[in-house]
């Protein structure tokens, strides 16, 4: 199952069908003026809260922070924000390429 792109007007007209497809595991990108603006995806199962798993994750993040600080020195908030924005833009471009790529018919 791949990703399909659909215009906003058509998505409004066929919303029930798109939700049913998401229930089956498909992902749909909704576009406005040929630009991706939203995504309909299947719901993921939510794991119950696990305090120890959370503590381990936080400890891992802190260890990574300390290692990066030691290797590369301090980084400013502006640099972090810039890196996050760059990453989001790259991901949006990747989603758009995948959504607009012609798919092989089965």
Protein backbone atom coordinates (compact mmCIF):
# COMPACT_ATOMS: atom_id res chain seq x y z
CA UNK A 1 0.00 0.00 0.00
CA UNK A 2 1.39 3.33 -1.02
CA UNK A 3 0.73 6.98 -0.58
CA UNK A 4 -1.77 8.74 -2.82
CA UNK A 5 -2.21 12.46 -3.39
CA UNK A 6 -5.69 13.98 -3.69
CA UNK A 7 -7.01 17.52 -4.02
CA UNK A 8 -8.91 19.13 -1.15
CA UNK A 9 -12.23 19.39 -3.00
CA UNK A 10 -12.14 15.74 -4.01
CA UNK A 11 -11.07 14.74 -0.48
CA UNK A 12 -14.12 16.52 0.99
CA UNK A 13 -16.34 14.70 -1.48
CA UNK A 14 -14.84 11.29 -0.68
CA UNK A 15 -13.93 11.66 3.00
CA UNK A 16 -15.68 8.46 4.12
CA UNK A 17 -13.79 6.46 1.48
CA UNK A 18 -10.47 8.04 2.51
CA UNK A 19 -11.08 7.19 6.17
CA UNK A 20 -11.91 3.61 5.23
CA UNK A 21 -8.67 3.40 3.26
CA UNK A 22 -6.75 4.71 6.27
CA UNK A 23 -8.36 1.98 8.37
CA UNK A 24 -6.90 -0.49 5.86
CA UNK A 25 -3.40 0.96 6.33
CA UNK A 26 -3.21 3.44 3.43
CA UNK A 27 -1.92 6.99 3.68
CA UNK A 28 -3.38 9.88 1.68
CA UNK A 29 -1.81 13.31 1.14
CA UNK A 30 -4.33 16.13 0.71
CA UNK A 31 -3.22 19.01 -1.50
CA UNK A 32 -4.42 22.56 -1.99
CA UNK A 33 -3.32 24.16 -5.26
CA UNK A 34 -1.00 21.15 -5.82
CA UNK A 35 0.82 21.75 -2.52
CA UNK A 36 0.61 19.12 0.25
CA UNK A 37 -1.22 20.51 3.27
CA UNK A 38 -2.49 17.50 5.24
CA UNK A 39 -2.21 13.75 5.58
CA UNK A 40 -4.73 11.07 6.49
CA UNK A 41 -2.97 8.14 8.13
CA UNK A 42 -4.00 5.04 10.05
CA UNK A 43 -4.13 5.42 13.82
CA UNK A 44 -1.21 3.78 15.59
CA UNK A 45 -1.72 1.72 18.70
CA UNK A 46 -0.78 3.75 21.76
CA UNK A 47 1.37 1.94 24.27
CA UNK A 48 0.43 2.31 27.92
CA UNK A 49 2.58 4.74 29.91
CA UNK A 50 5.75 3.07 31.17
CA UNK A 51 7.58 5.13 33.79
CA UNK A 52 10.84 3.14 33.57
CA UNK A 53 10.89 3.30 29.78
CA UNK A 54 10.38 7.07 29.98
CA UNK A 55 13.19 7.46 32.53
CA UNK A 56 15.52 5.40 30.33
CA UNK A 57 14.64 7.54 27.30
CA UNK A 58 15.28 10.78 29.21
CA UNK A 59 18.61 9.41 30.49
CA UNK A 60 19.56 8.49 26.92
CA UNK A 61 18.72 11.98 25.67
CA UNK A 62 20.76 13.56 28.45
CA UNK A 63 23.73 11.29 27.67
CA UNK A 64 23.48 12.24 23.99
CA UNK A 65 23.33 15.93 24.93
CA UNK A 66 26.46 15.58 27.08
CA UNK A 67 28.30 13.70 24.33
CA UNK A 68 27.41 16.29 21.69
CA UNK A 69 28.40 19.12 24.02
CA UNK A 70 31.75 17.46 24.63
CA UNK A 71 32.38 16.79 20.92
CA UNK A 72 31.06 20.00 19.37
CA UNK A 73 30.72 22.57 22.12
CA UNK A 74 27.60 24.54 22.99
CA UNK A 75 24.87 25.15 20.42
CA UNK A 76 22.51 28.12 20.52
CA UNK A 77 18.74 27.97 20.53
CA UNK A 78 18.70 29.66 17.13
CA UNK A 79 20.94 26.91 15.74
CA UNK A 80 18.65 24.22 17.14
CA UNK A 81 15.57 25.92 15.68
CA UNK A 82 17.32 26.21 12.31
CA UNK A 83 18.21 22.53 12.30
CA UNK A 84 14.65 21.51 13.19
CA UNK A 85 13.21 23.72 10.44
CA UNK A 86 15.68 22.33 7.91
CA UNK A 87 14.76 18.78 8.89
CA UNK A 88 11.02 19.52 8.59
CA UNK A 89 11.48 21.09 5.16
CA UNK A 90 13.48 18.08 3.96
CA UNK A 91 10.76 15.73 5.27
CA UNK A 92 8.01 17.78 3.59
CA UNK A 93 9.91 17.63 0.29
CA UNK A 94 10.35 13.87 0.67
CA UNK A 95 6.63 13.39 1.35
CA UNK A 96 5.76 15.55 -1.67
CA UNK A 97 8.12 13.58 -3.95
CA UNK A 98 6.62 10.29 -2.77
CA UNK A 99 3.06 11.59 -3.12
CA UNK A 100 3.57 12.87 -6.66
CA UNK A 101 5.69 9.99 -7.94
CA UNK A 102 3.79 7.87 -10.47
CA UNK A 103 2.91 4.54 -8.91
CA UNK A 104 3.13 1.27 -10.76
CA UNK A 105 -0.23 -0.38 -11.37
CA UNK A 106 -0.66 -3.85 -9.90
